[in-house]
């Protein structure tokens, strides 16, 4: 199993990128969202990957974080959701958006992905509703961005415009930071004795209303939602 690719961007297409790894080119399929975040040709890049194996086909799919890769694998457990549909959903919503949509039962958000109809969107919600909290709770540990190490970039083989450039350490983006906040808040609520599904729904609702909320704020406002109402 190929779980990670690190090298230089050699070429970018509509939904796939060719990554040169020490002279060997790997064609990796990515979502629109991931493609938009890739560096230009000649620059160092790293992606977590999932290998799809069929009798007549081998395809690599790339993801900026392990969290997004795990959501891809979970989405494909739904009947009718193949790799193409999963990538479309992740491209439209991102890992954080997928988690929120499933937790809140928002089938319309899932349906916004190209090629995903209302019946399939509803099936995604129904089949993954109970599984979403577990992956959300793991978000903090899986949200680190893949980044090439210095020893994975061979300067002698790099094109002129890329020579002399060291691999740039990856800095977690806003989505990764928010996923970490949500995961920490969910973990805290579960430790307080709340059910995983109820806690996940409360955190997802607050995160949707206040995208910039930190862990403490998420916990405080989620507790208000979880409090018994007279």
C-alpha atoms as a PDB file:
ATOM      1  CA  UNK A   1       0.000   0.000   0.000  1.00  0.00           C
ATOM      2  CA  UNK A   2       1.335   3.439  -0.956  1.00  0.00           C
ATOM      3  CA  UNK A   3       0.326   5.700   1.933  1.00  0.00           C
ATOM      4  CA  UNK A   4       2.346   8.836   1.232  1.00  0.00           C
ATOM      5  CA  UNK A   5       4.008  10.511  -1.744  1.00  0.00           C
ATOM      6  CA  UNK A   6       6.701  13.190  -1.483  1.00  0.00           C
ATOM      7  CA  UNK A   7       8.598  14.766  -4.365  1.00  0.00           C
ATOM      8  CA  UNK A   8       8.233  17.597  -6.893  1.00  0.00           C
ATOM      9  CA  UNK A   9       5.211  18.694  -8.858  1.00  0.00           C
ATOM     10  CA  UNK A  10       5.939  17.818 -12.479  1.00  0.00           C
ATOM     11  CA  UNK A  11       2.536  18.574 -14.037  1.00  0.00           C
ATOM     12  CA  UNK A  12      -0.993  19.483 -12.962  1.00  0.00           C
ATOM     13  CA  UNK A  13      -4.173  18.567 -14.843  1.00  0.00           C
ATOM     14  CA  UNK A  14      -7.845  19.155 -14.144  1.00  0.00           C
ATOM     15  CA  UNK A  15      -8.134  16.571 -11.359  1.00  0.00           C
ATOM     16  CA  UNK A  16      -4.741  14.922 -11.163  1.00  0.00           C
ATOM     17  CA  UNK A  17      -1.133  15.829 -10.508  1.00  0.00           C
ATOM     18  CA  UNK A  18       2.087  14.139 -11.629  1.00  0.00           C
ATOM     19  CA  UNK A  19       4.609  13.967  -8.777  1.00  0.00           C
ATOM     20  CA  UNK A  20       8.252  13.181  -9.554  1.00  0.00           C
ATOM     21  CA  UNK A  21       9.697  11.027  -6.773  1.00  0.00           C
ATOM     22  CA  UNK A  22      13.434  10.561  -7.418  1.00  0.00           C
ATOM     23  CA  UNK A  23      12.910  10.116 -11.136  1.00  0.00           C
ATOM     24  CA  UNK A  24       9.683   8.093 -10.959  1.00  0.00           C
ATOM     25  CA  UNK A  25       6.452   9.902 -11.824  1.00  0.00           C
ATOM     26  CA  UNK A  26       3.296   9.078  -9.860  1.00  0.00           C
ATOM     27  CA  UNK A  27      -0.087  10.212 -11.181  1.00  0.00           C
ATOM     28  CA  UNK A  28      -2.247  11.166  -8.199  1.00  0.00           C
ATOM     29  CA  UNK A  29      -5.946  12.066  -8.385  1.00  0.00           C
ATOM     30  CA  UNK A  30      -6.961  14.938  -6.121  1.00  0.00           C
ATOM     31  CA  UNK A  31     -10.079  16.955  -5.342  1.00  0.00           C
ATOM     32  CA  UNK A  32     -10.632  20.502  -6.578  1.00  0.00           C
ATOM     33  CA  UNK A  33      -9.945  21.809  -3.081  1.00  0.00           C
ATOM     34  CA  UNK A  34      -6.640  19.926  -2.817  1.00  0.00           C
ATOM     35  CA  UNK A  35      -5.593  20.962  -6.334  1.00  0.00           C
ATOM     36  CA  UNK A  36      -6.107  24.620  -5.462  1.00  0.00           C
ATOM     37  CA  UNK A  37      -3.697  24.266  -2.548  1.00  0.00           C
ATOM     38  CA  UNK A  38      -0.877  22.561  -4.448  1.00  0.00           C
ATOM     39  CA  UNK A  39       2.330  24.474  -5.276  1.00  0.00           C
ATOM     40  CA  UNK A  40       3.299  25.232  -8.888  1.00  0.00           C
ATOM     41  CA  UNK A  41       5.381  22.906 -11.071  1.00  0.00           C
ATOM     42  CA  UNK A  42       8.926  22.417  -9.795  1.00  0.00           C
ATOM     43  CA  UNK A  43       8.005  22.929  -6.153  1.00  0.00           C
ATOM     44  CA  UNK A  44       8.229  20.293  -3.403  1.00  0.00           C
ATOM     45  CA  UNK A  45       5.002  18.620  -2.356  1.00  0.00           C
ATOM     46  CA  UNK A  46       3.765  15.767  -0.175  1.00  0.00           C
ATOM     47  CA  UNK A  47       0.376  14.065  -0.037  1.00  0.00           C
ATOM     48  CA  UNK A  48      -1.130  11.219   1.920  1.00  0.00           C
ATOM     49  CA  UNK A  49      -2.465   8.666  -0.539  1.00  0.00           C
ATOM     50  CA  UNK A  50      -4.987   5.882  -0.874  1.00  0.00           C
ATOM     51  CA  UNK A  51      -4.483   3.217  -3.517  1.00  0.00           C
ATOM     52  CA  UNK A  52      -7.558   1.928  -5.352  1.00  0.00           C
ATOM     53  CA  UNK A  53      -6.965  -1.564  -6.754  1.00  0.00           C
ATOM     54  CA  UNK A  54      -9.185  -3.147  -9.389  1.00  0.00           C
ATOM     55  CA  UNK A  55      -8.621  -5.980 -11.817  1.00  0.00           C
ATOM     56  CA  UNK A  56      -7.823  -3.606 -14.672  1.00  0.00           C
ATOM     57  CA  UNK A  57      -6.920  -0.424 -12.816  1.00  0.00           C
ATOM     58  CA  UNK A  58      -4.608   1.050 -10.189  1.00  0.00           C
ATOM     59  CA  UNK A  59      -5.342   4.618  -9.059  1.00  0.00           C
ATOM     60  CA  UNK A  60      -3.735   6.795  -6.417  1.00  0.00           C
ATOM     61  CA  UNK A  61      -5.830   9.408  -4.631  1.00  0.00           C
ATOM     62  CA  UNK A  62      -4.080  12.197  -2.730  1.00  0.00           C
ATOM     63  CA  UNK A  63      -5.021  14.166   0.384  1.00  0.00           C
ATOM     64  CA  UNK A  64      -3.357  17.020   2.277  1.00  0.00           C
ATOM     65  CA  UNK A  65      -4.124  15.469   5.698  1.00  0.00           C
ATOM     66  CA  UNK A  66      -4.709  12.022   7.138  1.00  0.00           C
ATOM     67  CA  UNK A  67      -8.072  13.287   8.385  1.00  0.00           C
ATOM     68  CA  UNK A  68      -9.272  13.912   4.836  1.00  0.00           C
ATOM     69  CA  UNK A  69      -7.921  10.540   3.740  1.00  0.00           C
ATOM     70  CA  UNK A  70      -9.871   8.801   6.508  1.00  0.00           C
ATOM     71  CA  UNK A  71     -13.044  10.635   5.526  1.00  0.00           C
ATOM     72  CA  UNK A  72     -12.485   9.436   1.949  1.00  0.00           C
ATOM     73  CA  UNK A  73     -12.199   5.844   3.127  1.00  0.00           C
ATOM     74  CA  UNK A  74     -15.283   6.194   5.322  1.00  0.00           C
ATOM     75  CA  UNK A  75     -17.352   7.782   2.551  1.00  0.00           C
ATOM     76  CA  UNK A  76     -16.555   4.887   0.251  1.00  0.00           C
ATOM     77  CA  UNK A  77     -18.116   2.449   2.707  1.00  0.00           C
ATOM     78  CA  UNK A  78     -21.499   3.913   1.751  1.00  0.00           C
ATOM     79  CA  UNK A  79     -23.303   1.927  -0.930  1.00  0.00           C
ATOM     80  CA  UNK A  80     -23.149   3.827  -4.214  1.00  0.00           C
ATOM     81  CA  UNK A  81     -20.262   6.092  -3.203  1.00  0.00           C
ATOM     82  CA  UNK A  82     -17.165   5.333  -5.249  1.00  0.00           C
ATOM     83  CA  UNK A  83     -13.858   7.152  -5.317  1.00  0.00           C
ATOM     84  CA  UNK A  84     -15.141   9.758  -7.770  1.00  0.00           C
ATOM     85  CA  UNK A  85     -18.168  10.660  -5.645  1.00  0.00           C
ATOM     86  CA  UNK A  86     -16.096  10.714  -2.465  1.00  0.00           C
ATOM     87  CA  UNK A  87     -13.568  13.095  -4.003  1.00  0.00           C
ATOM     88  CA  UNK A  88     -16.402  15.299  -5.271  1.00  0.00           C
ATOM     89  CA  UNK A  89     -17.902  15.514  -1.778  1.00  0.00           C
ATOM     90  CA  UNK A  90     -14.544  16.299  -0.175  1.00  0.00           C
ATOM     91  CA  UNK A  91     -13.782  18.814  -2.913  1.00  0.00           C
ATOM     92  CA  UNK A  92     -17.053  20.621  -2.258  1.00  0.00           C
ATOM     93  CA  UNK A  93     -17.043  20.516   1.551  1.00  0.00           C
ATOM     94  CA  UNK A  94     -13.594  19.581   2.827  1.00  0.00           C
ATOM     95  CA  UNK A  95     -13.128  17.217   5.764  1.00  0.00           C
ATOM     96  CA  UNK A  96     -14.533  19.686   8.270  1.00  0.00           C
ATOM     97  CA  UNK A  97     -17.580  20.422   6.134  1.00  0.00           C
ATOM     98  CA  UNK A  98     -18.292  16.726   5.587  1.00  0.00           C
ATOM     99  CA  UNK A  99     -18.147  16.091   9.327  1.00  0.00           C
ATOM    100  CA  UNK A 100     -20.546  18.956  10.023  1.00  0.00           C
ATOM    101  CA  UNK A 101     -23.000  17.986   7.271  1.00  0.00           C
ATOM    102  CA  UNK A 102     -23.214  14.351   8.399  1.00  0.00           C
ATOM    103  CA  UNK A 103     -23.453  15.203  12.079  1.00  0.00           C
ATOM    104  CA  UNK A 104     -26.234  17.743  11.511  1.00  0.00           C
ATOM    105  CA  UNK A 105     -28.039  15.589   8.951  1.00  0.00           C
ATOM    106  CA  UNK A 106     -27.577  18.229   6.248  1.00  0.00           C
ATOM    107  CA  UNK A 107     -28.142  16.176   3.095  1.00  0.00           C
ATOM    108  CA  UNK A 108     -28.411  19.336   0.973  1.00  0.00           C
ATOM    109  CA  UNK A 109     -24.807  20.219   1.751  1.00  0.00           C
ATOM    110  CA  UNK A 110     -23.657  16.773   0.594  1.00  0.00           C
ATOM    111  CA  UNK A 111     -25.865  17.061  -2.481  1.00  0.00           C
ATOM    112  CA  UNK A 112     -23.987  20.227  -3.474  1.00  0.00           C
ATOM    113  CA  UNK A 113     -21.107  18.012  -4.643  1.00  0.00           C
ATOM    114  CA  UNK A 114     -21.085  17.462  -8.427  1.00  0.00           C
ATOM    115  CA  UNK A 115     -22.750  14.197  -9.436  1.00  0.00           C
ATOM    116  CA  UNK A 116     -24.284  13.513  -6.026  1.00  0.00           C
ATOM    117  CA  UNK A 117     -28.079  13.252  -6.136  1.00  0.00           C
ATOM    118  CA  UNK A 118     -30.569  13.599  -3.263  1.00  0.00           C
ATOM    119  CA  UNK A 119     -30.956   9.851  -2.668  1.00  0.00           C
ATOM    120  CA  UNK A 120     -27.209   9.268  -2.460  1.00  0.00           C
ATOM    121  CA  UNK A 121     -26.732  12.318  -0.230  1.00  0.00           C
ATOM    122  CA  UNK A 122     -29.404  11.046   2.143  1.00  0.00           C
ATOM    123  CA  UNK A 123     -27.794   7.599   2.205  1.00  0.00           C
ATOM    124  CA  UNK A 124     -24.462   9.168   3.162  1.00  0.00           C
ATOM    125  CA  UNK A 125     -26.135  10.917   6.087  1.00  0.00           C
ATOM    126  CA  UNK A 126     -28.010   7.841   7.285  1.00  0.00           C
ATOM    127  CA  UNK A 127     -25.133   5.365   7.006  1.00  0.00           C
ATOM    128  CA  UNK A 128     -22.438   7.597   8.518  1.00  0.00           C
ATOM    129  CA  UNK A 129     -24.409   9.448  11.197  1.00  0.00           C
ATOM    130  CA  UNK A 130     -23.253   7.071  13.930  1.00  0.00           C
ATOM    131  CA  UNK A 131     -19.681   6.869  12.630  1.00  0.00           C
ATOM    132  CA  UNK A 132     -18.976  10.600  12.257  1.00  0.00           C
ATOM    133  CA  UNK A 133     -18.350  11.353  15.975  1.00  0.00           C
ATOM    134  CA  UNK A 134     -15.528   8.813  16.163  1.00  0.00           C
ATOM    135  CA  UNK A 135     -13.650  10.348  13.254  1.00  0.00           C
ATOM    136  CA  UNK A 136     -14.365  13.871  14.478  1.00  0.00           C
ATOM    137  CA  UNK A 137     -12.829  12.964  17.835  1.00  0.00           C
ATOM    138  CA  UNK A 138      -9.673  11.795  16.058  1.00  0.00           C
ATOM    139  CA  UNK A 139      -9.461  15.042  14.100  1.00  0.00           C
ATOM    140  CA  UNK A 140      -6.774  16.673  16.244  1.00  0.00           C
ATOM    141  CA  UNK A 141      -4.356  13.795  15.719  1.00  0.00           C
ATOM    142  CA  UNK A 142      -5.039  13.429  11.994  1.00  0.00           C
ATOM    143  CA  UNK A 143      -5.189  17.032  10.846  1.00  0.00           C
ATOM    144  CA  UNK A 144      -1.452  17.630  10.384  1.00  0.00           C
ATOM    145  CA  UNK A 145      -0.623  18.721   6.833  1.00  0.00           C
ATOM    146  CA  UNK A 146       1.644  16.430   4.803  1.00  0.00           C
ATOM    147  CA  UNK A 147       5.003  18.086   4.119  1.00  0.00           C
ATOM    148  CA  UNK A 148       8.161  16.897   2.315  1.00  0.00           C
ATOM    149  CA  UNK A 149      11.292  16.550   4.426  1.00  0.00           C
ATOM    150  CA  UNK A 150      14.589  18.045   3.318  1.00  0.00           C
ATOM    151  CA  UNK A 151      16.004  14.604   2.487  1.00  0.00           C
ATOM    152  CA  UNK A 152      13.080  13.933   0.125  1.00  0.00           C
ATOM    153  CA  UNK A 153      13.883  16.855  -2.170  1.00  0.00           C
ATOM    154  CA  UNK A 154      16.840  16.281  -4.513  1.00  0.00           C
ATOM    155  CA  UNK A 155      18.153  19.683  -5.564  1.00  0.00           C
ATOM    156  CA  UNK A 156      20.330  18.302  -8.374  1.00  0.00           C
ATOM    157  CA  UNK A 157      17.266  17.047 -10.222  1.00  0.00           C
ATOM    158  CA  UNK A 158      15.150  20.126  -9.650  1.00  0.00           C
ATOM    159  CA  UNK A 159      14.487  22.589 -12.498  1.00  0.00           C
ATOM    160  CA  UNK A 160      16.482  25.819 -12.535  1.00  0.00           C
ATOM    161  CA  UNK A 161      13.753  27.951 -10.982  1.00  0.00           C
ATOM    162  CA  UNK A 162      13.388  25.519  -8.070  1.00  0.00           C
ATOM    163  CA  UNK A 163      17.084  24.917  -7.252  1.00  0.00           C
ATOM    164  CA  UNK A 164      18.341  26.177  -3.942  1.00  0.00           C
ATOM    165  CA  UNK A 165      14.896  26.156  -2.389  1.00  0.00           C
ATOM    166  CA  UNK A 166      14.494  24.091   0.734  1.00  0.00           C
ATOM    167  CA  UNK A 167      11.301  22.292   1.493  1.00  0.00           C
ATOM    168  CA  UNK A 168       8.979  24.662   3.331  1.00  0.00           C
ATOM    169  CA  UNK A 169       7.550  23.283   6.568  1.00  0.00           C
ATOM    170  CA  UNK A 170       3.799  22.923   6.342  1.00  0.00           C
ATOM    171  CA  UNK A 171       1.777  25.262   8.524  1.00  0.00           C
ATOM    172  CA  UNK A 172      -1.655  24.011   9.581  1.00  0.00           C
ATOM    173  CA  UNK A 173      -4.345  25.914   7.713  1.00  0.00           C
ATOM    174  CA  UNK A 174      -7.547  27.307   9.239  1.00  0.00           C
ATOM    175  CA  UNK A 175      -9.502  24.137   8.447  1.00  0.00           C
ATOM    176  CA  UNK A 176      -6.929  21.949  10.217  1.00  0.00           C
ATOM    177  CA  UNK A 177      -6.880  24.257  13.248  1.00  0.00           C
ATOM    178  CA  UNK A 178     -10.684  24.257  13.460  1.00  0.00           C
ATOM    179  CA  UNK A 179     -10.763  20.467  13.171  1.00  0.00           C
ATOM    180  CA  UNK A 180      -8.397  20.288  16.137  1.00  0.00           C
ATOM    181  CA  UNK A 181     -10.577  22.642  18.197  1.00  0.00           C
ATOM    182  CA  UNK A 182     -13.704  20.607  17.402  1.00  0.00           C
ATOM    183  CA  UNK A 183     -11.969  17.328  18.229  1.00  0.00           C
ATOM    184  CA  UNK A 184     -10.736  18.662  21.575  1.00  0.00           C
ATOM    185  CA  UNK A 185     -14.170  20.055  22.441  1.00  0.00           C
ATOM    186  CA  UNK A 186     -15.896  16.796  21.514  1.00  0.00           C
ATOM    187  CA  UNK A 187     -13.423  14.790  23.576  1.00  0.00           C
ATOM    188  CA  UNK A 188     -14.009  17.047  26.588  1.00  0.00           C
ATOM    189  CA  UNK A 189     -17.794  16.721  26.346  1.00  0.00           C
ATOM    190  CA  UNK A 190     -17.634  12.935  26.039  1.00  0.00           C
ATOM    191  CA  UNK A 191     -15.354  12.841  29.088  1.00  0.00           C
ATOM    192  CA  UNK A 192     -18.021  14.823  30.947  1.00  0.00           C
ATOM    193  CA  UNK A 193     -20.467  12.021  30.267  1.00  0.00           C
ATOM    194  CA  UNK A 194     -22.372  13.254  27.215  1.00  0.00           C
ATOM    195  CA  UNK A 195     -23.178  10.831  24.409  1.00  0.00           C
ATOM    196  CA  UNK A 196     -20.838  10.996  21.419  1.00  0.00           C
ATOM    197  CA  UNK A 197     -23.624  11.694  18.910  1.00  0.00           C
ATOM    198  CA  UNK A 198     -25.266  14.427  21.000  1.00  0.00           C
ATOM    199  CA  UNK A 199     -21.917  16.032  21.785  1.00  0.00           C
ATOM    200  CA  UNK A 200     -20.826  15.909  18.138  1.00  0.00           C
ATOM    201  CA  UNK A 201     -24.056  17.526  16.993  1.00  0.00           C
ATOM    202  CA  UNK A 202     -23.726  20.314  19.556  1.00  0.00           C
ATOM    203  CA  UNK A 203     -20.091  21.000  18.633  1.00  0.00           C
ATOM    204  CA  UNK A 204     -20.835  20.909  14.900  1.00  0.00           C
ATOM    205  CA  UNK A 205     -23.734  23.344  15.320  1.00  0.00           C
ATOM    206  CA  UNK A 206     -21.651  25.811  17.307  1.00  0.00           C
ATOM    207  CA  UNK A 207     -18.693  25.476  14.922  1.00  0.00           C
ATOM    208  CA  UNK A 208     -20.990  26.219  12.000  1.00  0.00           C
ATOM    209  CA  UNK A 209     -22.396  29.322  13.690  1.00  0.00           C
ATOM    210  CA  UNK A 210     -19.001  30.520  14.961  1.00  0.00           C
ATOM    211  CA  UNK A 211     -16.225  29.315  12.603  1.00  0.00           C
ATOM    212  CA  UNK A 212     -13.515  31.149  14.581  1.00  0.00           C
ATOM    213  CA  UNK A 213     -14.469  29.694  17.969  1.00  0.00           C
ATOM    214  CA  UNK A 214     -11.634  28.096  19.931  1.00  0.00           C
ATOM    215  CA  UNK A 215     -11.898  24.955  22.042  1.00  0.00           C
ATOM    216  CA  UNK A 216     -13.030  26.726  25.207  1.00  0.00           C
ATOM    217  CA  UNK A 217     -15.741  28.636  23.359  1.00  0.00           C
ATOM    218  CA  UNK A 218     -16.959  25.497  21.602  1.00  0.00           C
ATOM    219  CA  UNK A 219     -17.227  23.659  24.906  1.00  0.00           C
ATOM    220  CA  UNK A 220     -19.036  26.506  26.658  1.00  0.00           C
ATOM    221  CA  UNK A 221     -21.613  27.055  23.919  1.00  0.00           C
ATOM    222  CA  UNK A 222     -22.061  23.325  23.264  1.00  0.00           C
ATOM    223  CA  UNK A 223     -22.808  22.817  26.970  1.00  0.00           C
ATOM    224  CA  UNK A 224     -25.568  25.413  26.707  1.00  0.00           C
ATOM    225  CA  UNK A 225     -27.105  23.466  23.836  1.00  0.00           C
ATOM    226  CA  UNK A 226     -26.833  20.201  25.739  1.00  0.00           C
ATOM    227  CA  UNK A 227     -28.336  21.600  28.919  1.00  0.00           C
ATOM    228  CA  UNK A 228     -31.846  20.264  29.754  1.00  0.00           C
ATOM    229  CA  UNK A 229     -34.598  22.655  28.759  1.00  0.00           C
ATOM    230  CA  UNK A 230     -37.583  23.259  30.969  1.00  0.00           C
END
